[in-house]
Amino acid sequence: MDQIDEDTYIRTLSALSDDVHRGDITQLQLSRATGVDQSQISRLLAGKGKTVSRAGMLLFAYKLDKDTSEARPDPGSSIVLMEAISEVWDGTQAGARRLAHVIRALAVFRDQEL
């Protein structure tokens, strides 16, 4: 990536910050995936620091790669979803099948606002 528009850079990091706030990914997971120190990630996602930096570019590239390479996000990467499942699953295979049945039944609500 030779040159990027500063506005695109800022919007992309803001979208990544939204991902973190939604629980789609943690700062620690971002740190492990990009090699950027978690404290730098915190500052960059809060809009602090240099406008364009090496660490910011690594996060920018990570977000672009994730957005283009994943048609559907991995459900296991959602902390919120995994916590909800952990709260209601009884730990048995039969319970897993019942829970999967309920989740699939919720597909009718996918495109509706709650």
Protein backbone atom coordinates (compact mmCIF):
# COMPACT_ATOMS: atom_id res chain seq x y z
CA MET A 1 0.00 0.00 0.00
CA ASP A 2 1.89 3.03 -1.26
CA GLN A 3 -0.29 5.87 -0.12
CA ILE A 4 -3.64 6.08 1.63
CA ASP A 5 -6.17 8.80 2.10
CA GLU A 6 -5.97 10.08 5.68
CA ASP A 7 -9.78 10.16 5.98
CA THR A 8 -9.99 6.49 4.92
CA TYR A 9 -7.29 5.63 7.46
CA ILE A 10 -9.18 7.37 10.27
CA ARG A 11 -12.54 5.81 9.29
CA THR A 12 -10.97 2.35 9.13
CA LEU A 13 -9.40 2.66 12.60
CA SER A 14 -12.71 4.00 13.89
CA ALA A 15 -14.49 0.94 12.47
CA LEU A 16 -11.90 -1.28 14.17
CA SER A 17 -12.56 0.58 17.42
CA ASP A 18 -16.28 -0.17 16.95
CA ASP A 19 -15.40 -3.86 16.50
CA VAL A 20 -13.60 -3.79 19.86
CA HIS A 21 -16.47 -1.98 21.60
CA ARG A 22 -18.99 -4.51 20.24
CA GLY A 23 -16.87 -7.35 21.58
CA ASP A 24 -16.08 -8.74 18.13
CA ILE A 25 -12.37 -8.70 18.99
CA THR A 26 -10.29 -7.64 21.99
CA GLN A 27 -7.27 -5.36 22.06
CA LEU A 28 -5.24 -8.35 23.19
CA GLN A 29 -6.36 -10.37 20.17
CA LEU A 30 -5.47 -7.43 17.92
CA SER A 31 -2.07 -7.21 19.59
CA ARG A 32 -1.39 -10.89 18.98
CA ALA A 33 -2.58 -10.70 15.37
CA THR A 34 -0.62 -7.57 14.44
CA GLY A 35 2.36 -7.48 16.80
CA VAL A 36 1.32 -4.00 17.95
CA ASP A 37 1.58 -3.42 21.71
CA GLN A 38 -1.83 -3.35 23.40
CA SER A 39 -1.15 0.10 24.90
CA GLN A 40 -0.51 1.48 21.40
CA ILE A 41 -3.71 -0.14 20.17
CA SER A 42 -5.62 1.50 22.99
CA ARG A 43 -4.22 4.94 22.12
CA LEU A 44 -4.77 4.54 18.37
CA LEU A 45 -8.34 3.30 18.72
CA ALA A 46 -9.08 6.20 21.05
CA GLY A 47 -7.90 8.57 18.30
CA LYS A 48 -4.71 9.60 20.09
CA GLY A 49 -1.17 9.60 18.74
CA LYS A 50 0.24 10.27 15.30
CA THR A 51 -2.29 10.53 12.53
CA VAL A 52 -0.52 7.88 10.46
CA SER A 53 2.01 5.63 12.17
CA ARG A 54 3.60 2.25 11.61
CA ALA A 55 1.41 0.70 14.35
CA GLY A 56 -1.68 2.38 12.91
CA MET A 57 -0.85 1.06 9.45
CA LEU A 58 -0.59 -2.48 10.84
CA LEU A 59 -4.06 -2.10 12.39
CA PHE A 60 -5.35 -0.52 9.16
CA ALA A 61 -4.03 -3.45 7.12
CA TYR A 62 -5.46 -5.96 9.60
CA LYS A 63 -8.94 -4.40 9.36
CA LEU A 64 -8.85 -4.25 5.56
CA ASP A 65 -7.67 -7.85 5.37
CA LYS A 66 -10.41 -9.04 7.76
CA ASP A 67 -13.12 -7.10 5.92
CA THR A 68 -12.11 -8.49 2.53
CA SER A 69 -11.18 -12.04 3.52
CA GLU A 70 -14.16 -12.95 5.68
CA ALA A 71 -17.56 -13.03 4.09
CA ARG A 72 -18.85 -14.13 7.48
CA PRO A 73 -17.08 -13.53 10.78
CA ASP A 74 -16.11 -16.52 12.88
CA PRO A 75 -18.78 -16.83 15.62
CA GLY A 76 -16.07 -18.02 18.01
CA SER A 77 -14.38 -14.63 17.75
CA SER A 78 -17.40 -12.88 19.32
CA ILE A 79 -16.86 -12.67 23.06
CA VAL A 80 -20.45 -11.55 23.59
CA LEU A 81 -21.84 -14.54 21.69
CA MET A 82 -19.56 -17.05 23.41
CA GLU A 83 -20.44 -15.66 26.85
CA ALA A 84 -24.17 -15.94 26.08
CA ILE A 85 -23.78 -19.53 24.93
CA SER A 86 -21.72 -20.38 28.03
CA GLU A 87 -24.45 -18.94 30.25
CA VAL A 88 -27.21 -21.14 28.81
CA TRP A 89 -25.49 -24.34 27.64
CA ASP A 90 -25.61 -27.24 30.11
CA GLY A 91 -22.40 -28.79 28.73
CA THR A 92 -24.01 -31.87 27.19
CA GLN A 93 -24.21 -32.89 23.52
CA ALA A 94 -27.99 -33.04 23.79
CA GLY A 95 -27.97 -29.52 25.22
CA ALA A 96 -25.72 -28.37 22.37
CA ARG A 97 -28.14 -29.79 19.81
CA ARG A 98 -31.12 -28.09 21.50
CA LEU A 99 -29.26 -24.79 21.71
CA ALA A 100 -28.21 -25.05 18.04
CA HIS A 101 -31.85 -25.68 17.10
CA VAL A 102 -32.97 -22.54 18.96
CA ILE A 103 -30.20 -20.43 17.39
CA ARG A 104 -31.09 -21.62 13.89
CA ALA A 105 -34.75 -20.82 14.53
CA LEU A 106 -33.71 -17.21 15.25
CA ALA A 107 -32.51 -16.80 11.64
CA VAL A 108 -35.93 -15.41 10.72
CA PHE A 109 -34.99 -12.29 12.74
CA ARG A 110 -31.58 -11.81 11.09
CA ASP A 111 -32.52 -8.77 9.00
CA GLN A 112 -34.98 -7.23 11.43
CA GLU A 113 -34.13 -4.54 13.95
CA LEU A 114 -34.86 -5.44 17.54
